């Protein structure tokens, strides 16, 4: 079975964009398309500026969100590494010889 799918997305007032994606990515792609279009429509009504400027603002908003999530992910990875190191240390102390336990 072909795991690729040809779809077309529409972003803001731009021409349709054909994409070839993995089948299991379609829901994520459609959600992203919907989120961008929803924000674009909201801001188009709110701000009196060009469609290109609105689209740039939307792109910046999602880039900012991506950067924030990436920073939080880095913090989480560091915390998990520290926790893993602590667990390894405790396990090594617990399974070590009696000298390690008595120290």
Protein backbone atom coordinates (compact mmCIF):
# COMPACT_ATOMS: atom_id res chain seq x y z
CA UNK A 1 0.00 0.00 0.00
CA UNK A 2 1.25 3.46 -0.88
CA UNK A 3 2.00 5.40 2.29
CA UNK A 4 2.04 8.73 0.41
CA UNK A 5 -0.96 10.93 -0.20
CA UNK A 6 -1.39 13.88 -2.57
CA UNK A 7 -3.39 16.71 -1.02
CA UNK A 8 -3.98 20.38 -1.64
CA UNK A 9 -4.01 22.96 1.11
CA UNK A 10 -5.22 26.53 0.98
CA UNK A 11 -3.57 29.14 3.16
CA UNK A 12 -5.16 32.56 3.50
CA UNK A 13 -5.83 34.14 0.11
CA UNK A 14 -2.91 32.38 -1.57
CA UNK A 15 -3.13 29.96 -4.50
CA UNK A 16 -3.70 26.30 -3.60
CA UNK A 17 -0.55 24.44 -2.53
CA UNK A 18 -0.20 20.81 -3.66
CA UNK A 19 1.63 18.55 -1.20
CA UNK A 20 2.73 14.93 -1.09
CA UNK A 21 2.62 13.76 2.51
CA UNK A 22 2.68 10.57 4.54
CA UNK A 23 -0.84 9.29 5.09
CA UNK A 24 -0.43 9.41 8.85
CA UNK A 25 0.43 13.14 8.66
CA UNK A 26 -2.82 14.22 7.02
CA UNK A 27 -4.69 15.05 10.23
CA UNK A 28 -1.76 17.13 11.49
CA UNK A 29 -1.46 18.97 8.14
CA UNK A 30 -5.19 19.70 8.00
CA UNK A 31 -5.14 20.97 11.60
CA UNK A 32 -2.18 23.26 10.84
CA UNK A 33 -3.97 24.56 7.74
CA UNK A 34 -7.10 25.22 9.79
CA UNK A 35 -5.19 26.99 12.58
CA UNK A 36 -3.37 29.29 10.16
CA UNK A 37 -6.56 30.12 8.26
CA UNK A 38 -8.53 30.78 11.46
CA UNK A 39 -5.91 33.19 12.80
CA UNK A 40 -5.53 34.84 9.38
CA UNK A 41 -9.30 35.40 9.14
CA UNK A 42 -9.50 36.81 12.68
CA UNK A 43 -6.60 39.19 12.18
CA UNK A 44 -7.79 40.21 8.71
CA UNK A 45 -10.97 41.52 10.31
CA UNK A 46 -9.16 43.12 13.26
CA UNK A 47 -6.26 44.88 11.54
CA UNK A 48 -6.50 47.33 8.66
CA UNK A 49 -3.42 46.27 6.73
CA UNK A 50 -2.50 44.28 3.63
CA UNK A 51 -3.17 40.54 3.37
CA UNK A 52 0.59 40.03 3.01
CA UNK A 53 1.25 41.84 6.29
CA UNK A 54 -1.42 39.76 8.02
CA UNK A 55 0.12 36.58 6.66
CA UNK A 56 3.55 37.71 7.88
CA UNK A 57 2.08 38.35 11.35
CA UNK A 58 0.50 34.89 11.36
CA UNK A 59 3.79 33.29 10.29
CA UNK A 60 5.60 35.15 13.07
CA UNK A 61 3.01 34.05 15.65
CA UNK A 62 3.46 30.38 14.75
CA UNK A 63 7.26 30.73 14.60
CA UNK A 64 7.19 32.28 18.08
CA UNK A 65 5.03 29.42 19.34
CA UNK A 66 7.41 26.88 17.79
CA UNK A 67 10.40 28.57 19.45
CA UNK A 68 8.66 28.57 22.84
CA UNK A 69 7.76 24.89 22.55
CA UNK A 70 11.32 24.04 21.47
CA UNK A 71 12.74 25.87 24.49
CA UNK A 72 10.36 24.05 26.84
CA UNK A 73 11.25 20.74 25.20
CA UNK A 74 14.95 21.43 25.75
CA UNK A 75 14.28 22.15 29.44
CA UNK A 76 12.27 18.93 29.72
CA UNK A 77 15.01 16.88 28.07
CA UNK A 78 17.61 18.36 30.44
CA UNK A 79 15.42 17.62 33.48
CA UNK A 80 14.82 14.05 32.29
CA UNK A 81 18.55 13.53 31.74
CA UNK A 82 19.26 14.80 35.26
CA UNK A 83 16.59 12.51 36.69
CA UNK A 84 17.94 9.56 34.70
CA UNK A 85 21.47 10.29 35.97
CA UNK A 86 20.16 10.42 39.55
CA UNK A 87 18.35 7.10 39.13
CA UNK A 88 21.45 5.50 37.62
CA UNK A 89 23.54 6.79 40.52
CA UNK A 90 21.07 5.48 43.11
CA UNK A 91 20.86 2.10 41.40
CA UNK A 92 24.65 1.87 41.24
CA UNK A 93 24.89 2.72 44.94
CA UNK A 94 22.19 0.18 45.81
CA UNK A 95 23.71 -2.67 43.82
CA UNK A 96 27.33 -1.89 44.62
CA UNK A 97 29.52 -3.60 47.16
CA UNK A 98 29.10 -2.97 50.85
CA UNK A 99 31.86 -0.34 50.81
CA UNK A 100 29.75 1.87 48.49
CA UNK A 101 26.72 1.56 50.76
CA UNK A 102 28.66 2.37 53.91
CA UNK A 103 30.25 5.53 52.46
